[in-house]
Amino acid sequence: MLCRSGKGTRPLTYLRTAFGESSAEYGMRLQVETIREAGRELPLAFHFNGRRVEVVNVIDQWFGPDYRYCKLKGDDGAVYILRVVEHCSDWQLTLFSSPRVQAVAASSGT
């Protein structure tokens, strides 16, 4: 899979999953509305399950060689982790935790 950017076309890194197959996919691709801050794109909103989710809070970020993960709180109360390939703004959903799931986890102490 290739990712187009102003710097040319570069292949995405492939991962070997726990089941043994190789994949360039890390999650579900998303359409993300962003703002540029300190030279990086930060998500303002994204489209998920046919609706627009506004980002209420960027909880955390962590970085890889050419990608970044953003842990977000949405206006729906859910927590999301999005992954972006920095050189081409390819955003993917890697984790979704609904408010209901968060409540069950909190009540069970996990």
PDB file of N, CA and C in Angstrom:
ATOM      1  N   MET A   1       0.846  -1.166   0.000  1.00  0.00           N
ATOM      2  CA  MET A   1       0.000   0.000   0.000  1.00  0.00           C
ATOM      3  C   MET A   1       0.893   1.231   0.000  1.00  0.00           C
ATOM      4  N   LEU A   2       0.537   2.208  -0.819  1.00  0.00           N
ATOM      5  CA  LEU A   2       1.336   3.407  -0.919  1.00  0.00           C
ATOM      6  C   LEU A   2       0.592   4.580  -0.333  1.00  0.00           C
ATOM      7  N   CYS A   3       1.359   5.518   0.142  1.00  0.00           N
ATOM      8  CA  CYS A   3       0.820   6.718   0.748  1.00  0.00           C
ATOM      9  C   CYS A   3       1.380   7.900  -0.022  1.00  0.00           C
ATOM     10  N   ARG A   4       0.533   8.722  -0.601  1.00  0.00           N
ATOM     11  CA  ARG A   4       0.998   9.852  -1.396  1.00  0.00           C
ATOM     12  C   ARG A   4       1.187  11.083  -0.522  1.00  0.00           C
ATOM     13  N   SER A   5       2.257  11.777  -0.773  1.00  0.00           N
ATOM     14  CA  SER A   5       2.521  13.035  -0.074  1.00  0.00           C
ATOM     15  C   SER A   5       3.247  13.968  -1.027  1.00  0.00           C
ATOM     16  N   GLY A   6       3.477  15.186  -0.574  1.00  0.00           N
ATOM     17  CA  GLY A   6       4.221  16.136  -1.378  1.00  0.00           C
ATOM     18  C   GLY A   6       5.667  15.702  -1.578  1.00  0.00           C
ATOM     19  N   LYS A   7       6.130  14.763  -0.794  1.00  0.00           N
ATOM     20  CA  LYS A   7       7.519  14.304  -0.865  1.00  0.00           C
ATOM     21  C   LYS A   7       7.663  13.045  -1.717  1.00  0.00           C
ATOM     22  N   GLY A   8       6.633  12.692  -2.470  1.00  0.00           N
ATOM     23  CA  GLY A   8       6.692  11.487  -3.285  1.00  0.00           C
ATOM     24  C   GLY A   8       5.825  10.393  -2.705  1.00  0.00           C
ATOM     25  N   THR A   9       5.949   9.214  -3.247  1.00  0.00           N
ATOM     26  CA  THR A   9       5.146   8.084  -2.818  1.00  0.00           C
ATOM     27  C   THR A   9       6.001   7.138  -2.012  1.00  0.00           C
ATOM     28  N   ARG A  10       5.539   6.787  -0.810  1.00  0.00           N
ATOM     29  CA  ARG A  10       6.302   5.888   0.060  1.00  0.00           C
ATOM     30  C   ARG A  10       5.387   4.761   0.526  1.00  0.00           C
ATOM     31  N   PRO A  11       5.906   3.534   0.613  1.00  0.00           N
ATOM     32  CA  PRO A  11       5.073   2.430   1.092  1.00  0.00           C
ATOM     33  C   PRO A  11       4.848   2.532   2.600  1.00  0.00           C
ATOM     34  N   LEU A  12       3.687   2.094   3.049  1.00  0.00           N
ATOM     35  CA  LEU A  12       3.424   1.996   4.480  1.00  0.00           C
ATOM     36  C   LEU A  12       4.154   0.784   5.036  1.00  0.00           C
ATOM     37  N   THR A  13       4.506   0.831   6.290  1.00  0.00           N
ATOM     38  CA  THR A  13       5.167  -0.279   6.952  1.00  0.00           C
ATOM     39  C   THR A  13       4.170  -1.416   7.158  1.00  0.00           C
ATOM     40  N   TYR A  14       4.613  -2.644   6.979  1.00  0.00           N
ATOM     41  CA  TYR A  14       3.748  -3.798   7.187  1.00  0.00           C
ATOM     42  C   TYR A  14       3.968  -4.370   8.580  1.00  0.00           C
ATOM     43  N   LEU A  15       2.909  -4.811   9.204  1.00  0.00           N
ATOM     44  CA  LEU A  15       2.959  -5.454  10.519  1.00  0.00           C
ATOM     45  C   LEU A  15       2.598  -6.916  10.385  1.00  0.00           C
ATOM     46  N   ARG A  16       3.139  -7.740  11.224  1.00  0.00           N
ATOM     47  CA  ARG A  16       2.714  -9.132  11.312  1.00  0.00           C
ATOM     48  C   ARG A  16       1.760  -9.205  12.492  1.00  0.00           C
ATOM     49  N   THR A  17       0.540  -9.652  12.260  1.00  0.00           N
ATOM     50  CA  THR A  17      -0.455  -9.689  13.321  1.00  0.00           C
ATOM     51  C   THR A  17      -0.285 -10.937  14.175  1.00  0.00           C
ATOM     52  N   ALA A  18      -1.028 -11.008  15.267  1.00  0.00           N
ATOM     53  CA  ALA A  18      -0.970 -12.159  16.171  1.00  0.00           C
ATOM     54  C   ALA A  18      -1.400 -13.435  15.466  1.00  0.00           C
ATOM     55  N   PHE A  19      -2.180 -13.306  14.379  1.00  0.00           N
ATOM     56  CA  PHE A  19      -2.655 -14.491  13.658  1.00  0.00           C
ATOM     57  C   PHE A  19      -1.734 -14.879  12.512  1.00  0.00           C
ATOM     58  N   GLY A  20      -0.612 -14.137  12.353  1.00  0.00           N
ATOM     59  CA  GLY A  20       0.383 -14.532  11.374  1.00  0.00           C
ATOM     60  C   GLY A  20       0.294 -13.850  10.024  1.00  0.00           C
ATOM     61  N   GLU A  21      -0.820 -13.148   9.703  1.00  0.00           N
ATOM     62  CA  GLU A  21      -0.904 -12.525   8.390  1.00  0.00           C
ATOM     63  C   GLU A  21      -0.267 -11.135   8.431  1.00  0.00           C
ATOM     64  N   SER A  22       0.302 -10.712   7.307  1.00  0.00           N
ATOM     65  CA  SER A  22       0.884  -9.377   7.211  1.00  0.00           C
ATOM     66  C   SER A  22      -0.187  -8.407   6.763  1.00  0.00           C
ATOM     67  N   SER A  23      -0.113  -7.206   7.284  1.00  0.00           N
ATOM     68  CA  SER A  23      -1.100  -6.214   6.903  1.00  0.00           C
ATOM     69  C   SER A  23      -0.521  -4.816   7.032  1.00  0.00           C
ATOM     70  N   ALA A  24      -0.885  -3.929   6.100  1.00  0.00           N
ATOM     71  CA  ALA A  24      -0.519  -2.517   6.205  1.00  0.00           C
ATOM     72  C   ALA A  24      -1.621  -1.763   6.914  1.00  0.00           C
ATOM     73  N   GLU A  25      -2.692  -2.429   7.238  1.00  0.00           N
ATOM     74  CA  GLU A  25      -3.831  -1.791   7.896  1.00  0.00           C
ATOM     75  C   GLU A  25      -3.662  -1.861   9.407  1.00  0.00           C
ATOM     76  N   TYR A  26      -3.851  -0.763  10.078  1.00  0.00           N
ATOM     77  CA  TYR A  26      -3.755  -0.708  11.529  1.00  0.00           C
ATOM     78  C   TYR A  26      -5.119  -0.512  12.151  1.00  0.00           C
ATOM     79  N   GLY A  27      -6.095  -0.158  11.364  1.00  0.00           N
ATOM     80  CA  GLY A  27      -7.435   0.097  11.861  1.00  0.00           C
ATOM     81  C   GLY A  27      -8.303   0.628  10.738  1.00  0.00           C
ATOM     82  N   MET A  28      -9.464   1.118  11.109  1.00  0.00           N
ATOM     83  CA  MET A  28     -10.417   1.634  10.141  1.00  0.00           C
ATOM     84  C   MET A  28     -10.019   3.052   9.735  1.00  0.00           C
ATOM     85  N   ARG A  29      -9.951   3.304   8.434  1.00  0.00           N
ATOM     86  CA  ARG A  29      -9.620   4.641   7.946  1.00  0.00           C
ATOM     87  C   ARG A  29     -10.735   5.620   8.287  1.00  0.00           C
ATOM     88  N   LEU A  30     -10.342   6.853   8.627  1.00  0.00           N
ATOM     89  CA  LEU A  30     -11.292   7.879   9.008  1.00  0.00           C
ATOM     90  C   LEU A  30     -11.053   9.160   8.227  1.00  0.00           C
ATOM     91  N   GLN A  31     -12.132   9.896   8.025  1.00  0.00           N
ATOM     92  CA  GLN A  31     -12.029  11.259   7.520  1.00  0.00           C
ATOM     93  C   GLN A  31     -11.913  12.152   8.761  1.00  0.00           C
ATOM     94  N   VAL A  32     -10.805  12.903   8.866  1.00  0.00           N
ATOM     95  CA  VAL A  32     -10.514  13.681  10.074  1.00  0.00           C
ATOM     96  C   VAL A  32     -10.343  15.151   9.714  1.00  0.00           C
ATOM     97  N   GLU A  33     -10.999  16.012  10.477  1.00  0.00           N
ATOM     98  CA  GLU A  33     -10.817  17.455  10.356  1.00  0.00           C
ATOM     99  C   GLU A  33      -9.724  17.847  11.350  1.00  0.00           C
ATOM    100  N   THR A  34      -8.715  18.579  10.870  1.00  0.00           N
ATOM    101  CA  THR A  34      -7.558  18.864  11.719  1.00  0.00           C
ATOM    102  C   THR A  34      -7.235  20.355  11.753  1.00  0.00           C
ATOM    103  N   ILE A  35      -6.388  20.691  12.710  1.00  0.00           N
ATOM    104  CA  ILE A  35      -5.784  22.021  12.816  1.00  0.00           C
ATOM    105  C   ILE A  35      -4.286  21.797  12.974  1.00  0.00           C
ATOM    106  N   ARG A  36      -3.490  22.723  12.472  1.00  0.00           N
ATOM    107  CA  ARG A  36      -2.034  22.601  12.594  1.00  0.00           C
ATOM    108  C   ARG A  36      -1.587  23.403  13.812  1.00  0.00           C
ATOM    109  N   GLU A  37      -0.895  22.711  14.727  1.00  0.00           N
ATOM    110  CA  GLU A  37      -0.369  23.338  15.938  1.00  0.00           C
ATOM    111  C   GLU A  37       1.037  22.830  16.173  1.00  0.00           C
ATOM    112  N   ALA A  38       1.966  23.757  16.346  1.00  0.00           N
ATOM    113  CA  ALA A  38       3.376  23.405  16.589  1.00  0.00           C
ATOM    114  C   ALA A  38       3.909  22.448  15.519  1.00  0.00           C
ATOM    115  N   GLY A  39       3.504  22.659  14.263  1.00  0.00           N
ATOM    116  CA  GLY A  39       4.000  21.849  13.150  1.00  0.00           C
ATOM    117  C   GLY A  39       3.369  20.482  13.006  1.00  0.00           C
ATOM    118  N   ARG A  40       2.356  20.178  13.815  1.00  0.00           N
ATOM    119  CA  ARG A  40       1.687  18.868  13.753  1.00  0.00           C
ATOM    120  C   ARG A  40       0.188  19.056  13.578  1.00  0.00           C
ATOM    121  N   GLU A  41      -0.418  18.088  12.894  1.00  0.00           N
ATOM    122  CA  GLU A  41      -1.866  18.085  12.762  1.00  0.00           C
ATOM    123  C   GLU A  41      -2.493  17.532  14.037  1.00  0.00           C
ATOM    124  N   LEU A  42      -3.490  18.227  14.551  1.00  0.00           N
ATOM    125  CA  LEU A  42      -4.266  17.733  15.686  1.00  0.00           C
ATOM    126  C   LEU A  42      -5.717  17.595  15.243  1.00  0.00           C
ATOM    127  N   PRO A  43      -6.364  16.498  15.621  1.00  0.00           N
ATOM    128  CA  PRO A  43      -7.749  16.285  15.198  1.00  0.00           C
ATOM    129  C   PRO A  43      -8.721  17.202  15.939  1.00  0.00           C
ATOM    130  N   LEU A  44      -9.653  17.789  15.186  1.00  0.00           N
ATOM    131  CA  LEU A  44     -10.741  18.593  15.748  1.00  0.00           C
ATOM    132  C   LEU A  44     -12.037  17.792  15.776  1.00  0.00           C
ATOM    133  N   ALA A  45     -12.231  16.987  14.725  1.00  0.00           N
ATOM    134  CA  ALA A  45     -13.435  16.159  14.590  1.00  0.00           C
ATOM    135  C   ALA A  45     -13.140  15.060  13.573  1.00  0.00           C
ATOM    136  N   PHE A  46     -13.950  13.995  13.610  1.00  0.00           N
ATOM    137  CA  PHE A  46     -13.823  12.917  12.630  1.00  0.00           C
ATOM    138  C   PHE A  46     -15.185  12.276  12.419  1.00  0.00           C
ATOM    139  N   HIS A  47     -15.297  11.525  11.345  1.00  0.00           N
ATOM    140  CA  HIS A  47     -16.552  10.865  11.003  1.00  0.00           C
ATOM    141  C   HIS A  47     -16.446   9.383  11.342  1.00  0.00           C
ATOM    142  N   PHE A  48     -17.385   8.899  12.162  1.00  0.00           N
ATOM    143  CA  PHE A  48     -17.375   7.517  12.650  1.00  0.00           C
ATOM    144  C   PHE A  48     -18.816   7.016  12.727  1.00  0.00           C
ATOM    145  N   ASN A  49     -19.068   5.849  12.153  1.00  0.00           N
ATOM    146  CA  ASN A  49     -20.412   5.248  12.147  1.00  0.00           C
ATOM    147  C   ASN A  49     -21.466   6.199  11.590  1.00  0.00           C
ATOM    148  N   GLY A  50     -21.106   6.912  10.532  1.00  0.00           N
ATOM    149  CA  GLY A  50     -22.060   7.774   9.855  1.00  0.00           C
ATOM    150  C   GLY A  50     -22.355   9.095  10.546  1.00  0.00           C
ATOM    151  N   ARG A  51     -21.586   9.450  11.545  1.00  0.00           N
ATOM    152  CA  ARG A  51     -21.825  10.732  12.199  1.00  0.00           C
ATOM    153  C   ARG A  51     -20.507  11.430  12.511  1.00  0.00           C
ATOM    154  N   ARG A  52     -20.602  12.715  12.785  1.00  0.00           N
ATOM    155  CA  ARG A  52     -19.432  13.534  13.092  1.00  0.00           C
ATOM    156  C   ARG A  52     -19.205  13.544  14.601  1.00  0.00           C
ATOM    157  N   VAL A  53     -17.979  13.224  15.026  1.00  0.00           N
ATOM    158  CA  VAL A  53     -17.606  13.238  16.442  1.00  0.00           C
ATOM    159  C   VAL A  53     -16.614  14.385  16.640  1.00  0.00           C
ATOM    160  N   GLU A  54     -16.960  15.325  17.505  1.00  0.00           N
ATOM    161  CA  GLU A  54     -16.039  16.413  17.821  1.00  0.00           C
ATOM    162  C   GLU A  54     -15.087  15.966  18.916  1.00  0.00           C
ATOM    163  N   VAL A  55     -13.832  16.368  18.789  1.00  0.00           N
ATOM    164  CA  VAL A  55     -12.826  16.047  19.794  1.00  0.00           C
ATOM    165  C   VAL A  55     -12.949  17.056  20.931  1.00  0.00           C
ATOM    166  N   VAL A  56     -13.238  16.561  22.138  1.00  0.00           N
ATOM    167  CA  VAL A  56     -13.371  17.395  23.324  1.00  0.00           C
ATOM    168  C   VAL A  56     -12.001  17.611  23.967  1.00  0.00           C
ATOM    169  N   ASN A  57     -11.172  16.553  23.944  1.00  0.00           N
ATOM    170  CA  ASN A  57      -9.882  16.607  24.619  1.00  0.00           C
ATOM    171  C   ASN A  57      -8.907  15.631  23.966  1.00  0.00           C
ATOM    172  N   VAL A  58      -7.682  16.094  23.732  1.00  0.00           N
ATOM    173  CA  VAL A  58      -6.591  15.194  23.343  1.00  0.00           C
ATOM    174  C   VAL A  58      -5.945  14.776  24.655  1.00  0.00           C
ATOM    175  N   ILE A  59      -6.177  13.534  25.057  1.00  0.00           N
ATOM    176  CA  ILE A  59      -5.729  13.030  26.359  1.00  0.00           C
ATOM    177  C   ILE A  59      -4.228  12.770  26.367  1.00  0.00           C
ATOM    178  N   ASP A  60      -3.722  12.175  25.281  1.00  0.00           N
ATOM    179  CA  ASP A  60      -2.312  11.786  25.231  1.00  0.00           C
ATOM    180  C   ASP A  60      -1.910  11.609  23.777  1.00  0.00           C
ATOM    181  N   GLN A  61      -0.604  11.649  23.517  1.00  0.00           N
ATOM    182  CA  GLN A  61      -0.041  11.344  22.202  1.00  0.00           C
ATOM    183  C   GLN A  61       1.250  10.565  22.407  1.00  0.00           C
ATOM    184  N   TRP A  62       1.536   9.638  21.517  1.00  0.00           N
ATOM    185  CA  TRP A  62       2.838   8.973  21.523  1.00  0.00           C
ATOM    186  C   TRP A  62       3.263   8.763  20.089  1.00  0.00           C
ATOM    187  N   PHE A  63       4.592   8.727  19.904  1.00  0.00           N
ATOM    188  CA  PHE A  63       5.190   8.871  18.587  1.00  0.00           C
ATOM    189  C   PHE A  63       5.987   7.643  18.179  1.00  0.00           C
ATOM    190  N   GLY A  64       5.951   7.353  16.887  1.00  0.00           N
ATOM    191  CA  GLY A  64       6.783   6.334  16.259  1.00  0.00           C
ATOM    192  C   GLY A  64       7.660   7.019  15.225  1.00  0.00           C
ATOM    193  N   PRO A  65       8.387   6.247  14.420  1.00  0.00           N
ATOM    194  CA  PRO A  65       9.313   6.845  13.460  1.00  0.00           C
ATOM    195  C   PRO A  65       8.627   7.742  12.420  1.00  0.00           C
ATOM    196  N   ASP A  66       7.467   7.349  11.917  1.00  0.00           N
ATOM    197  CA  ASP A  66       6.757   8.170  10.922  1.00  0.00           C
ATOM    198  C   ASP A  66       5.247   8.187  11.190  1.00  0.00           C
ATOM    199  N   TYR A  67       4.857   7.876  12.400  1.00  0.00           N
ATOM    200  CA  TYR A  67       3.445   7.861  12.762  1.00  0.00           C
ATOM    201  C   TYR A  67       3.280   8.395  14.179  1.00  0.00           C
ATOM    202  N   ARG A  68       2.030   8.638  14.545  1.00  0.00           N
ATOM    203  CA  ARG A  68       1.713   9.131  15.887  1.00  0.00           C
ATOM    204  C   ARG A  68       0.346   8.594  16.282  1.00  0.00           C
ATOM    205  N   TYR A  69       0.194   8.272  17.547  1.00  0.00           N
ATOM    206  CA  TYR A  69      -1.095   7.886  18.101  1.00  0.00           C
ATOM    207  C   TYR A  69      -1.631   9.043  18.935  1.00  0.00           C
ATOM    208  N   CYS A  70      -2.936   9.290  18.837  1.00  0.00           N
ATOM    209  CA  CYS A  70      -3.602  10.310  19.641  1.00  0.00           C
ATOM    210  C   CYS A  70      -4.751   9.650  20.395  1.00  0.00           C
ATOM    211  N   LYS A  71      -4.724   9.762  21.715  1.00  0.00           N
ATOM    212  CA  LYS A  71      -5.824   9.270  22.548  1.00  0.00           C
ATOM    213  C   LYS A  71      -6.752  10.453  22.782  1.00  0.00           C
ATOM    214  N   LEU A  72      -8.036  10.293  22.413  1.00  0.00           N
ATOM    215  CA  LEU A  72      -8.987  11.395  22.389  1.00  0.00           C
ATOM    216  C   LEU A  72     -10.242  11.073  23.178  1.00  0.00           C
ATOM    217  N   LYS A  73     -10.886  12.118  23.664  1.00  0.00           N
ATOM    218  CA  LYS A  73     -12.233  12.011  24.233  1.00  0.00           C
ATOM    219  C   LYS A  73     -13.155  12.707  23.242  1.00  0.00           C
ATOM    220  N   GLY A  74     -14.208  12.014  22.808  1.00  0.00           N
ATOM    221  CA  GLY A  74     -15.166  12.581  21.869  1.00  0.00           C
ATOM    222  C   GLY A  74     -16.329  13.237  22.578  1.00  0.00           C
ATOM    223  N   ASP A  75     -17.087  14.054  21.843  1.00  0.00           N
ATOM    224  CA  ASP A  75     -18.256  14.713  22.419  1.00  0.00           C
ATOM    225  C   ASP A  75     -19.377  13.727  22.753  1.00  0.00           C
ATOM    226  N   ASP A  76     -19.206  12.481  22.353  1.00  0.00           N
ATOM    227  CA  ASP A  76     -20.166  11.420  22.684  1.00  0.00           C
ATOM    228  C   ASP A  76     -19.778  10.691  23.973  1.00  0.00           C
ATOM    229  N   GLY A  77     -18.700  11.134  24.630  1.00  0.00           N
ATOM    230  CA  GLY A  77     -18.240  10.513  25.870  1.00  0.00           C
ATOM    231  C   GLY A  77     -17.325   9.327  25.664  1.00  0.00           C
ATOM    232  N   ALA A  78     -17.134   8.897  24.430  1.00  0.00           N
ATOM    233  CA  ALA A  78     -16.282   7.743  24.133  1.00  0.00           C
ATOM    234  C   ALA A  78     -14.816   8.154  24.086  1.00  0.00           C
ATOM    235  N   VAL A  79     -13.945   7.171  24.285  1.00  0.00           N
ATOM    236  CA  VAL A  79     -12.502   7.362  24.158  1.00  0.00           C
ATOM    237  C   VAL A  79     -12.062   6.666  22.866  1.00  0.00           C
ATOM    238  N   TYR A  80     -11.235   7.343  22.110  1.00  0.00           N
ATOM    239  CA  TYR A  80     -10.746   6.845  20.829  1.00  0.00           C
ATOM    240  C   TYR A  80      -9.233   6.928  20.810  1.00  0.00           C
ATOM    241  N   ILE A  81      -8.604   5.990  20.115  1.00  0.00           N
ATOM    242  CA  ILE A  81      -7.191   6.128  19.786  1.00  0.00           C
ATOM    243  C   ILE A  81      -7.101   6.123  18.268  1.00  0.00           C
ATOM    244  N   LEU A  82      -6.560   7.228  17.733  1.00  0.00           N
ATOM    245  CA  LEU A  82      -6.369   7.370  16.296  1.00  0.00           C
ATOM    246  C   LEU A  82      -4.879   7.309  16.001  1.00  0.00           C
ATOM    247  N   ARG A  83      -4.554   6.724  14.869  1.00  0.00           N
ATOM    248  CA  ARG A  83      -3.165   6.631  14.398  1.00  0.00           C
ATOM    249  C   ARG A  83      -3.071   7.434  13.118  1.00  0.00           C
ATOM    250  N   VAL A  84      -2.041   8.264  13.010  1.00  0.00           N
ATOM    251  CA  VAL A  84      -1.822   9.039  11.789  1.00  0.00           C
ATOM    252  C   VAL A  84      -0.424   8.762  11.258  1.00  0.00           C
ATOM    253  N   VAL A  85      -0.332   8.504   9.964  1.00  0.00           N
ATOM    254  CA  VAL A  85       0.957   8.421   9.286  1.00  0.00           C
ATOM    255  C   VAL A  85       1.305   9.863   8.940  1.00  0.00           C
ATOM    256  N   GLU A  86       2.352  10.379   9.566  1.00  0.00           N
ATOM    257  CA  GLU A  86       2.657  11.808   9.530  1.00  0.00           C
ATOM    258  C   GLU A  86       2.875  12.383   8.131  1.00  0.00           C
ATOM    259  N   HIS A  87       3.583  11.676   7.255  1.00  0.00           N
ATOM    260  CA  HIS A  87       3.954  12.260   5.971  1.00  0.00           C
ATOM    261  C   HIS A  87       2.805  12.346   4.978  1.00  0.00           C
ATOM    262  N   CYS A  88       1.664  11.719   5.277  1.00  0.00           N
ATOM    263  CA  CYS A  88       0.564  11.778   4.309  1.00  0.00           C
ATOM    264  C   CYS A  88      -0.811  11.960   4.955  1.00  0.00           C
ATOM    265  N   SER A  89      -0.848  12.236   6.241  1.00  0.00           N
ATOM    266  CA  SER A  89      -2.111  12.502   6.951  1.00  0.00           C
ATOM    267  C   SER A  89      -3.129  11.375   6.776  1.00  0.00           C
ATOM    268  N   ASP A  90      -2.679  10.145   6.862  1.00  0.00           N
ATOM    269  CA  ASP A  90      -3.548   8.967   6.774  1.00  0.00           C
ATOM    270  C   ASP A  90      -4.000   8.612   8.189  1.00  0.00           C
ATOM    271  N   TRP A  91      -5.255   8.914   8.539  1.00  0.00           N
ATOM    272  CA  TRP A  91      -5.784   8.691   9.882  1.00  0.00           C
ATOM    273  C   TRP A  91      -6.559   7.386   9.939  1.00  0.00           C
ATOM    274  N   GLN A  92      -6.343   6.624  11.015  1.00  0.00           N
ATOM    275  CA  GLN A  92      -7.041   5.353  11.213  1.00  0.00           C
ATOM    276  C   GLN A  92      -7.471   5.220  12.665  1.00  0.00           C
ATOM    277  N   LEU A  93      -8.637   4.617  12.866  1.00  0.00           N
ATOM    278  CA  LEU A  93      -9.125   4.322  14.209  1.00  0.00           C
ATOM    279  C   LEU A  93      -8.515   3.001  14.663  1.00  0.00           C
ATOM    280  N   THR A  94      -7.860   2.998  15.830  1.00  0.00           N
ATOM    281  CA  THR A  94      -7.277   1.757  16.337  1.00  0.00           C
ATOM    282  C   THR A  94      -7.960   1.271  17.609  1.00  0.00           C
ATOM    283  N   LEU A  95      -8.685   2.172  18.310  1.00  0.00           N
ATOM    284  CA  LEU A  95      -9.403   1.766  19.512  1.00  0.00           C
ATOM    285  C   LEU A  95     -10.620   2.653  19.699  1.00  0.00           C
ATOM    286  N   PHE A  96     -11.719   2.039  20.125  1.00  0.00           N
ATOM    287  CA  PHE A  96     -12.945   2.748  20.469  1.00  0.00           C
ATOM    288  C   PHE A  96     -13.458   2.150  21.762  1.00  0.00           C
ATOM    289  N   SER A  97     -13.730   2.993  22.762  1.00  0.00           N
ATOM    290  CA  SER A  97     -14.278   2.542  24.032  1.00  0.00           C
ATOM    291  C   SER A  97     -15.487   3.414  24.365  1.00  0.00           C
ATOM    292  N   SER A  98     -16.670   2.828  24.273  1.00  0.00           N
ATOM    293  CA  SER A  98     -17.903   3.579  24.514  1.00  0.00           C
ATOM    294  C   SER A  98     -18.040   3.923  25.991  1.00  0.00           C
ATOM    295  N   PRO A  99     -18.858   4.928  26.315  1.00  0.00           N
ATOM    296  CA  PRO A  99     -19.084   5.258  27.723  1.00  0.00           C
ATOM    297  C   PRO A  99     -19.612   4.058  28.526  1.00  0.00           C
ATOM    298  N   ARG A 100     -20.432   3.232  27.899  1.00  0.00           N
ATOM    299  CA  ARG A 100     -20.985   2.047  28.576  1.00  0.00           C
ATOM    300  C   ARG A 100     -19.868   1.068  28.969  1.00  0.00           C
ATOM    301  N   VAL A 101     -18.957   0.809  28.043  1.00  0.00           N
ATOM    302  CA  VAL A 101     -17.831  -0.095  28.301  1.00  0.00           C
ATOM    303  C   VAL A 101     -16.946   0.498  29.403  1.00  0.00           C
ATOM    304  N   GLN A 102     -16.720   1.811  29.353  1.00  0.00           N
ATOM    305  CA  GLN A 102     -15.899   2.461  30.379  1.00  0.00           C
ATOM    306  C   GLN A 102     -16.526   2.322  31.753  1.00  0.00           C
ATOM    307  N   ALA A 103     -17.867   2.449  31.826  1.00  0.00           N
ATOM    308  CA  ALA A 103     -18.576   2.323  33.109  1.00  0.00           C
ATOM    309  C   ALA A 103     -18.467   0.904  33.656  1.00  0.00           C
ATOM    310  N   VAL A 104     -18.614  -0.098  32.787  1.00  0.00           N
ATOM    311  CA  VAL A 104     -18.504  -1.498  33.221  1.00  0.00           C
ATOM    312  C   VAL A 104     -17.090  -1.773  33.730  1.00  0.00           C
ATOM    313  N   ALA A 105     -16.081  -1.286  33.008  1.00  0.00           N
ATOM    314  CA  ALA A 105     -14.689  -1.494  33.426  1.00  0.00           C
ATOM    315  C   ALA A 105     -14.410  -0.816  34.760  1.00  0.00           C
ATOM    316  N   ALA A 106     -14.941   0.388  34.943  1.00  0.00           N
ATOM    317  CA  ALA A 106     -14.735   1.110  36.200  1.00  0.00           C
ATOM    318  C   ALA A 106     -15.406   0.404  37.373  1.00  0.00           C
ATOM    319  N   SER A 107     -16.594  -0.130  37.141  1.00  0.00           N
ATOM    320  CA  SER A 107     -17.320  -0.797  38.227  1.00  0.00           C
ATOM    321  C   SER A 107     -16.713  -2.154  38.598  1.00  0.00           C
ATOM    322  N   SER A 108     -16.002  -2.764  37.644  1.00  0.00           N
ATOM    323  CA  SER A 108     -15.375  -4.063  37.934  1.00  0.00           C
ATOM    324  C   SER A 108     -13.951  -3.903  38.451  1.00  0.00           C
ATOM    325  N   GLY A 109     -13.463  -2.662  38.457  1.00  0.00           N
ATOM    326  CA  GLY A 109     -12.119  -2.417  38.980  1.00  0.00           C
ATOM    327  C   GLY A 109     -11.010  -2.713  38.011  1.00  0.00           C
ATOM    328  N   THR A 110     -11.319  -2.844  36.706  1.00  0.00           N
ATOM    329  CA  THR A 110     -10.259  -3.114  35.723  1.00  0.00           C
ATOM    330  C   THR A 110      -9.919  -1.872  34.942  1.00  0.00           C
TER     331      THR A 110
END
